[in-house]
Amino acid sequence: ACAPTTPVVAPVTVNVNDLQGANVEVALNQVININTGDLAVDSYSGKVADTAVAEFVKGRVDAGASYNPGVQAVAPGTTTVTLSNENGGIQDVTFAVTVAK
């Protein structure tokens, strides 16, 4: 007998340059995969206003593979996410995340 499986929800990939002022709508448990372009995947930090709705996932480099930073949808609702970059020279990127019911 097969165990019931949770359907895999494909991530939504967005370019960091397109996020300023945007509202990204995602399904529950979906991840927003943030493409950092020319900047290092681990150079971004994120602050989520309501961590009951979504969580920031820091980008990393592991065994030569790069993993983009992202936002994980946790519960239905809307929250604001602010991305900042430790490399400086770029303004914070603030956008909304709406997690569908």
N, C-alpha and C. Protein backbone atom coordinates (compact mmCIF):
# COMPACT_ATOMS: atom_id res chain seq x y z
N ALA A 1 0.85 -1.19 0.00
CA ALA A 1 0.00 0.00 0.00
C ALA A 1 0.88 1.23 0.00
N CYS A 2 0.44 2.20 -0.74
CA CYS A 2 1.19 3.46 -0.82
C CYS A 2 0.71 4.41 0.26
N ALA A 3 1.66 5.10 0.85
CA ALA A 3 1.30 6.12 1.82
C ALA A 3 0.74 7.33 1.07
N PRO A 4 -0.23 8.02 1.67
CA PRO A 4 -0.74 9.22 0.99
C PRO A 4 0.39 10.25 0.87
N THR A 5 0.44 10.89 -0.27
CA THR A 5 1.51 11.86 -0.48
C THR A 5 0.93 13.26 -0.49
N THR A 6 1.73 14.19 -0.03
CA THR A 6 1.35 15.58 -0.10
C THR A 6 1.75 16.08 -1.48
N PRO A 7 0.83 16.69 -2.21
CA PRO A 7 1.22 17.16 -3.54
C PRO A 7 2.34 18.19 -3.43
N VAL A 8 3.29 18.07 -4.33
CA VAL A 8 4.40 19.02 -4.33
C VAL A 8 3.92 20.27 -5.05
N VAL A 9 4.10 21.40 -4.40
CA VAL A 9 3.69 22.67 -5.00
C VAL A 9 4.95 23.32 -5.56
N ALA A 10 4.94 23.55 -6.86
CA ALA A 10 6.11 24.15 -7.50
C ALA A 10 6.34 25.56 -6.98
N PRO A 11 7.60 25.94 -6.81
CA PRO A 11 7.86 27.31 -6.34
C PRO A 11 7.51 28.35 -7.39
N VAL A 12 7.26 29.56 -6.94
CA VAL A 12 7.07 30.70 -7.82
C VAL A 12 8.42 31.40 -7.88
N THR A 13 9.00 31.53 -9.06
CA THR A 13 10.29 32.18 -9.18
C THR A 13 10.09 33.62 -9.65
N VAL A 14 10.69 34.56 -8.91
CA VAL A 14 10.59 35.97 -9.26
C VAL A 14 11.99 36.58 -9.22
N ASN A 15 12.21 37.58 -10.06
CA ASN A 15 13.47 38.31 -10.04
C ASN A 15 13.39 39.37 -8.96
N VAL A 16 14.45 39.52 -8.19
CA VAL A 16 14.45 40.48 -7.09
C VAL A 16 14.14 41.89 -7.61
N ASN A 17 14.55 42.21 -8.82
CA ASN A 17 14.32 43.54 -9.40
C ASN A 17 12.84 43.81 -9.67
N ASP A 18 12.02 42.75 -9.73
CA ASP A 18 10.60 42.91 -10.02
C ASP A 18 9.74 42.97 -8.76
N LEU A 19 10.37 42.85 -7.58
CA LEU A 19 9.59 42.70 -6.35
C LEU A 19 9.18 44.01 -5.68
N GLN A 20 9.90 45.09 -5.93
CA GLN A 20 9.62 46.33 -5.20
C GLN A 20 8.16 46.73 -5.35
N GLY A 21 7.43 46.78 -4.25
CA GLY A 21 6.03 47.22 -4.26
C GLY A 21 5.06 46.18 -4.80
N ALA A 22 5.54 45.00 -5.12
CA ALA A 22 4.67 43.97 -5.72
C ALA A 22 3.88 43.24 -4.64
N ASN A 23 2.85 42.54 -5.08
CA ASN A 23 2.12 41.62 -4.21
C ASN A 23 2.23 40.25 -4.87
N VAL A 24 2.92 39.34 -4.21
CA VAL A 24 3.11 38.00 -4.76
C VAL A 24 2.10 37.07 -4.09
N GLU A 25 1.24 36.47 -4.92
CA GLU A 25 0.22 35.57 -4.39
C GLU A 25 0.70 34.13 -4.52
N VAL A 26 0.61 33.40 -3.42
CA VAL A 26 1.06 32.01 -3.41
C VAL A 26 0.03 31.14 -2.70
N ALA A 27 0.15 29.85 -2.94
CA ALA A 27 -0.70 28.88 -2.25
C ALA A 27 -0.04 28.51 -0.93
N LEU A 28 -0.82 27.93 -0.05
CA LEU A 28 -0.30 27.46 1.23
C LEU A 28 0.85 26.47 0.97
N ASN A 29 1.91 26.59 1.70
CA ASN A 29 3.12 25.76 1.60
C ASN A 29 3.95 26.02 0.35
N GLN A 30 3.55 26.98 -0.47
CA GLN A 30 4.33 27.30 -1.67
C GLN A 30 5.51 28.19 -1.27
N VAL A 31 6.57 28.12 -2.06
CA VAL A 31 7.77 28.91 -1.79
C VAL A 31 7.96 29.92 -2.91
N ILE A 32 8.30 31.14 -2.53
CA ILE A 32 8.72 32.14 -3.51
C ILE A 32 10.23 32.02 -3.63
N ASN A 33 10.70 31.66 -4.80
CA ASN A 33 12.12 31.49 -5.09
C ASN A 33 12.61 32.81 -5.68
N ILE A 34 13.52 33.49 -4.97
CA ILE A 34 13.95 34.83 -5.39
C ILE A 34 15.27 34.74 -6.15
N ASN A 35 15.21 35.11 -7.43
CA ASN A 35 16.40 35.11 -8.28
C ASN A 35 17.16 36.41 -8.01
N THR A 36 18.39 36.28 -7.50
CA THR A 36 19.15 37.46 -7.06
C THR A 36 20.01 38.06 -8.18
N GLY A 37 19.93 37.51 -9.38
CA GLY A 37 20.67 38.08 -10.50
C GLY A 37 22.16 38.02 -10.28
N ASP A 38 22.83 39.17 -10.40
CA ASP A 38 24.29 39.23 -10.29
C ASP A 38 24.79 39.20 -8.85
N LEU A 39 23.88 39.36 -7.88
CA LEU A 39 24.29 39.43 -6.48
C LEU A 39 24.29 38.05 -5.85
N ALA A 40 25.19 37.86 -4.91
CA ALA A 40 25.34 36.54 -4.27
C ALA A 40 24.04 36.11 -3.59
N VAL A 41 23.71 34.83 -3.72
CA VAL A 41 22.46 34.32 -3.14
C VAL A 41 22.43 34.47 -1.62
N ASP A 42 23.61 34.46 -0.99
CA ASP A 42 23.64 34.55 0.47
C ASP A 42 23.86 35.98 0.97
N SER A 43 23.77 36.97 0.05
CA SER A 43 24.00 38.36 0.46
C SER A 43 22.72 39.04 0.93
N TYR A 44 21.59 38.39 0.75
CA TYR A 44 20.32 38.99 1.15
C TYR A 44 19.88 38.49 2.52
N SER A 45 19.29 39.41 3.28
CA SER A 45 18.58 39.01 4.49
C SER A 45 17.15 39.50 4.33
N GLY A 46 16.26 38.88 5.05
CA GLY A 46 14.85 39.24 4.90
C GLY A 46 14.17 39.35 6.24
N LYS A 47 13.20 40.25 6.29
CA LYS A 47 12.40 40.42 7.50
C LYS A 47 10.94 40.33 7.11
N VAL A 48 10.24 39.40 7.73
CA VAL A 48 8.81 39.21 7.46
C VAL A 48 8.03 39.84 8.60
N ALA A 49 7.08 40.73 8.26
CA ALA A 49 6.33 41.44 9.29
C ALA A 49 5.50 40.47 10.13
N ASP A 50 4.85 39.51 9.49
CA ASP A 50 4.01 38.56 10.22
C ASP A 50 4.51 37.15 9.93
N THR A 51 5.34 36.63 10.83
CA THR A 51 5.96 35.32 10.61
C THR A 51 4.96 34.18 10.77
N ALA A 52 3.72 34.48 11.18
CA ALA A 52 2.69 33.44 11.20
C ALA A 52 2.18 33.17 9.79
N VAL A 53 2.41 34.11 8.86
CA VAL A 53 1.94 33.98 7.47
C VAL A 53 3.04 33.44 6.56
N ALA A 54 4.27 33.94 6.74
CA ALA A 54 5.37 33.52 5.87
C ALA A 54 6.69 33.63 6.62
N GLU A 55 7.69 32.88 6.13
CA GLU A 55 9.02 32.91 6.73
C GLU A 55 10.05 33.14 5.64
N PHE A 56 11.07 33.92 5.96
CA PHE A 56 12.18 34.14 5.03
C PHE A 56 13.14 32.96 5.11
N VAL A 57 13.60 32.51 3.95
CA VAL A 57 14.58 31.42 3.88
C VAL A 57 15.84 32.01 3.25
N LYS A 58 16.91 32.01 4.02
CA LYS A 58 18.16 32.63 3.55
C LYS A 58 18.77 31.80 2.43
N GLY A 59 19.31 32.49 1.42
CA GLY A 59 20.02 31.81 0.34
C GLY A 59 21.34 31.26 0.86
N ARG A 60 21.86 30.24 0.18
CA ARG A 60 23.11 29.66 0.64
C ARG A 60 23.83 29.00 -0.52
N VAL A 61 25.11 28.77 -0.31
CA VAL A 61 25.90 27.99 -1.25
C VAL A 61 26.35 26.75 -0.50
N ASP A 62 26.04 25.58 -1.03
CA ASP A 62 26.33 24.33 -0.34
C ASP A 62 26.94 23.36 -1.34
N ALA A 63 28.17 22.94 -1.09
CA ALA A 63 28.86 21.98 -1.95
C ALA A 63 28.86 22.43 -3.40
N GLY A 64 29.04 23.73 -3.60
CA GLY A 64 29.14 24.27 -4.95
C GLY A 64 27.80 24.59 -5.61
N ALA A 65 26.71 24.21 -4.97
CA ALA A 65 25.38 24.52 -5.52
C ALA A 65 24.83 25.76 -4.82
N SER A 66 24.20 26.63 -5.62
CA SER A 66 23.61 27.84 -5.06
C SER A 66 22.12 27.65 -4.87
N TYR A 67 21.64 28.07 -3.72
CA TYR A 67 20.21 28.03 -3.41
C TYR A 67 19.74 29.45 -3.20
N ASN A 68 18.78 29.89 -4.01
CA ASN A 68 18.27 31.26 -3.91
C ASN A 68 17.57 31.47 -2.57
N PRO A 69 17.59 32.72 -2.09
CA PRO A 69 16.74 33.03 -0.93
C PRO A 69 15.28 32.90 -1.34
N GLY A 70 14.42 32.80 -0.36
CA GLY A 70 13.01 32.66 -0.68
C GLY A 70 12.12 33.01 0.48
N VAL A 71 10.83 32.89 0.23
CA VAL A 71 9.83 33.10 1.26
C VAL A 71 8.91 31.90 1.24
N GLN A 72 8.75 31.27 2.40
CA GLN A 72 7.91 30.08 2.55
C GLN A 72 6.55 30.49 3.09
N ALA A 73 5.49 30.14 2.38
CA ALA A 73 4.13 30.42 2.85
C ALA A 73 3.79 29.46 3.99
N VAL A 74 3.32 30.00 5.10
CA VAL A 74 3.04 29.19 6.29
C VAL A 74 1.55 29.08 6.59
N ALA A 75 0.82 30.18 6.42
CA ALA A 75 -0.61 30.19 6.74
C ALA A 75 -1.30 31.26 5.90
N PRO A 76 -2.61 31.11 5.66
CA PRO A 76 -3.33 32.11 4.87
C PRO A 76 -3.23 33.50 5.49
N GLY A 77 -3.12 34.49 4.63
CA GLY A 77 -3.05 35.87 5.08
C GLY A 77 -2.13 36.68 4.19
N THR A 78 -1.89 37.92 4.59
CA THR A 78 -1.00 38.82 3.84
C THR A 78 0.00 39.41 4.80
N THR A 79 1.24 39.51 4.37
CA THR A 79 2.27 40.13 5.18
C THR A 79 3.23 40.88 4.28
N THR A 80 4.03 41.72 4.89
CA THR A 80 5.05 42.49 4.17
C THR A 80 6.40 41.84 4.39
N VAL A 81 7.19 41.78 3.33
CA VAL A 81 8.54 41.24 3.41
C VAL A 81 9.51 42.34 2.98
N THR A 82 10.58 42.53 3.75
CA THR A 82 11.61 43.49 3.40
C THR A 82 12.92 42.75 3.21
N LEU A 83 13.48 42.86 2.01
CA LEU A 83 14.78 42.27 1.71
C LEU A 83 15.84 43.35 1.79
N SER A 84 16.95 43.05 2.43
CA SER A 84 18.07 43.98 2.42
C SER A 84 19.30 43.21 2.00
N ASN A 85 20.28 43.95 1.49
CA ASN A 85 21.48 43.29 0.98
C ASN A 85 22.69 43.86 1.69
N GLU A 86 23.46 42.95 2.30
CA GLU A 86 24.62 43.38 3.09
C GLU A 86 25.71 43.99 2.22
N ASN A 87 25.66 43.76 0.90
CA ASN A 87 26.67 44.33 0.02
C ASN A 87 26.47 45.83 -0.18
N GLY A 88 25.35 46.35 0.30
CA GLY A 88 25.11 47.78 0.23
C GLY A 88 24.90 48.25 -1.19
N GLY A 89 24.65 49.54 -1.33
CA GLY A 89 24.50 50.12 -2.64
C GLY A 89 23.12 49.90 -3.25
N ILE A 90 22.31 49.02 -2.66
CA ILE A 90 20.95 48.86 -3.18
C ILE A 90 19.97 49.14 -2.06
N GLN A 91 18.83 49.71 -2.47
CA GLN A 91 17.81 50.00 -1.46
C GLN A 91 17.12 48.72 -1.04
N ASP A 92 16.53 48.75 0.15
CA ASP A 92 15.74 47.61 0.59
C ASP A 92 14.60 47.39 -0.41
N VAL A 93 14.23 46.15 -0.57
CA VAL A 93 13.12 45.78 -1.45
C VAL A 93 11.98 45.35 -0.54
N THR A 94 10.85 46.05 -0.65
CA THR A 94 9.69 45.74 0.19
C THR A 94 8.54 45.30 -0.70
N PHE A 95 7.95 44.16 -0.36
CA PHE A 95 6.84 43.66 -1.14
C PHE A 95 5.87 42.91 -0.24
N ALA A 96 4.69 42.64 -0.76
CA ALA A 96 3.67 41.92 0.01
C ALA A 96 3.61 40.49 -0.48
N VAL A 97 3.29 39.60 0.45
CA VAL A 97 3.04 38.20 0.13
C VAL A 97 1.63 37.89 0.62
N THR A 98 0.81 37.39 -0.30
CA THR A 98 -0.54 36.96 0.06
C THR A 98 -0.61 35.46 -0.11
N VAL A 99 -0.93 34.78 0.99
CA VAL A 99 -1.05 33.32 0.97
C VAL A 99 -2.55 33.00 0.89
N ALA A 100 -2.92 32.27 -0.15
CA ALA A 100 -4.33 31.94 -0.38
C ALA A 100 -4.83 30.96 0.68
N LYS A 101 -6.14 31.01 0.90
CA LYS A 101 -6.75 30.07 1.84
C LYS A 101 -6.92 28.72 1.19
